[in-house]
Protein backbone atom coordinates (compact mmCIF):
# COMPACT_ATOMS: atom_id res chain seq x y z
CA UNK A 1 -143.37 123.22 61.66
CA UNK A 2 -146.11 122.28 59.18
CA UNK A 3 -144.06 119.34 57.91
CA UNK A 4 -145.91 116.12 57.06
CA UNK A 5 -145.00 113.45 59.60
CA UNK A 6 -146.88 110.43 58.27
CA UNK A 7 -149.74 109.33 56.04
CA UNK A 8 -151.77 106.45 57.42
CA UNK A 9 -153.23 104.35 54.63
CA UNK A 10 -155.50 101.36 55.05
CA UNK A 11 -159.14 102.43 55.07
CA UNK A 12 -161.06 101.68 51.89
CA UNK A 13 -163.28 104.78 52.16
CA UNK A 14 -162.99 108.24 53.64
CA UNK A 15 -162.05 108.76 57.29
CA UNK A 16 -164.57 110.51 59.56
CA UNK A 17 -162.67 110.64 62.84
CA UNK A 18 -159.12 110.42 64.18
CA UNK A 19 -158.10 110.59 67.84
CA UNK A 20 -154.82 110.29 69.79
CA UNK A 21 -154.62 107.86 72.70
CA UNK A 22 -154.09 109.60 76.07
CA UNK A 23 -150.43 108.55 76.18
CA UNK A 24 -149.84 109.64 72.58
CA UNK A 25 -148.53 106.28 71.39
CA UNK A 26 -151.55 105.31 69.29
CA UNK A 27 -154.08 106.81 66.92
CA UNK A 28 -157.57 105.46 66.27
CA UNK A 29 -159.42 106.22 63.05
CA UNK A 30 -163.03 105.56 62.10
CA UNK A 31 -164.15 105.36 58.49
CA UNK A 32 -167.04 105.13 56.07
CA UNK A 33 -165.75 101.58 55.43
CA UNK A 34 -167.45 100.58 58.76
CA UNK A 35 -164.10 99.90 60.47
CA UNK A 36 -161.98 101.35 63.28
CA UNK A 37 -158.24 101.08 62.87
CA UNK A 38 -155.62 101.49 65.58
CA UNK A 39 -152.20 102.76 64.52
CA UNK A 40 -148.80 103.13 66.14
CA UNK A 41 -148.40 106.91 66.15
CA UNK A 42 -144.61 106.69 66.20
CA UNK A 43 -144.17 104.32 63.24
CA UNK A 44 -147.46 104.81 61.38
CA UNK A 45 -147.93 101.04 61.24
CA UNK A 46 -151.36 99.48 61.59
CA UNK A 47 -151.80 97.63 64.90
CA UNK A 48 -155.37 96.38 64.68
CA UNK A 49 -158.56 96.61 62.60
CA UNK A 50 -161.82 96.48 64.55
CA UNK A 51 -165.01 95.32 62.83
CA UNK A 52 -168.54 95.27 64.17
CA UNK A 53 -170.41 98.22 62.71
CA UNK A 54 -172.69 97.78 59.69
CA UNK A 55 -172.49 101.41 58.56
CA UNK A 56 -169.93 104.20 58.58
CA UNK A 57 -168.10 105.01 61.81
CA UNK A 58 -168.73 108.64 62.72
CA UNK A 59 -166.67 109.03 65.88
CA UNK A 60 -164.02 107.30 67.98
CA UNK A 61 -162.82 108.21 71.47
CA UNK A 62 -160.39 106.70 73.99
CA UNK A 63 -161.26 106.29 77.67
CA UNK A 64 -159.30 108.72 79.89
CA UNK A 65 -156.91 105.95 80.96
CA UNK A 66 -156.42 104.74 77.37
CA UNK A 67 -157.52 101.16 78.05
CA UNK A 68 -160.78 101.28 76.09
CA UNK A 69 -161.98 102.69 72.79
CA UNK A 70 -165.57 103.60 71.93
CA UNK A 71 -166.95 104.10 68.44
CA UNK A 72 -170.25 105.51 67.23
CA UNK A 73 -171.78 104.63 63.88
CA UNK A 74 -174.52 105.57 61.45
CA UNK A 75 -175.86 102.06 62.15
CA UNK A 76 -177.28 103.59 65.38
CA UNK A 77 -174.87 101.73 67.68
CA UNK A 78 -171.96 102.58 69.93
CA UNK A 79 -169.37 99.88 70.56
CA UNK A 80 -166.89 99.83 73.45
C-alpha cells in the first residue's frame, strides 16, 4: 500500500544493508558504525547488537535455514 510500517532506529551511522530472515520474523541491518543489529520484524524492537568488525559493515545475509548470519566489512573480513 506504500504505507510506512516501522522505522528501526539504533545505528549511529548510515545503514548499508538490510535483509529479512528466511522465516520473515527478523531483520538484520549492517551499518557504517561497524555493527550488525538484529530486529524483530513484527514489533520493530532491537533483539541483539553484534560487534566484531573494525570498519563499516557492507553486507549481511542469513543462511537459508535462518540459523546463521554472515556479515562482510570494509575491514576485509567476513564474520559468521
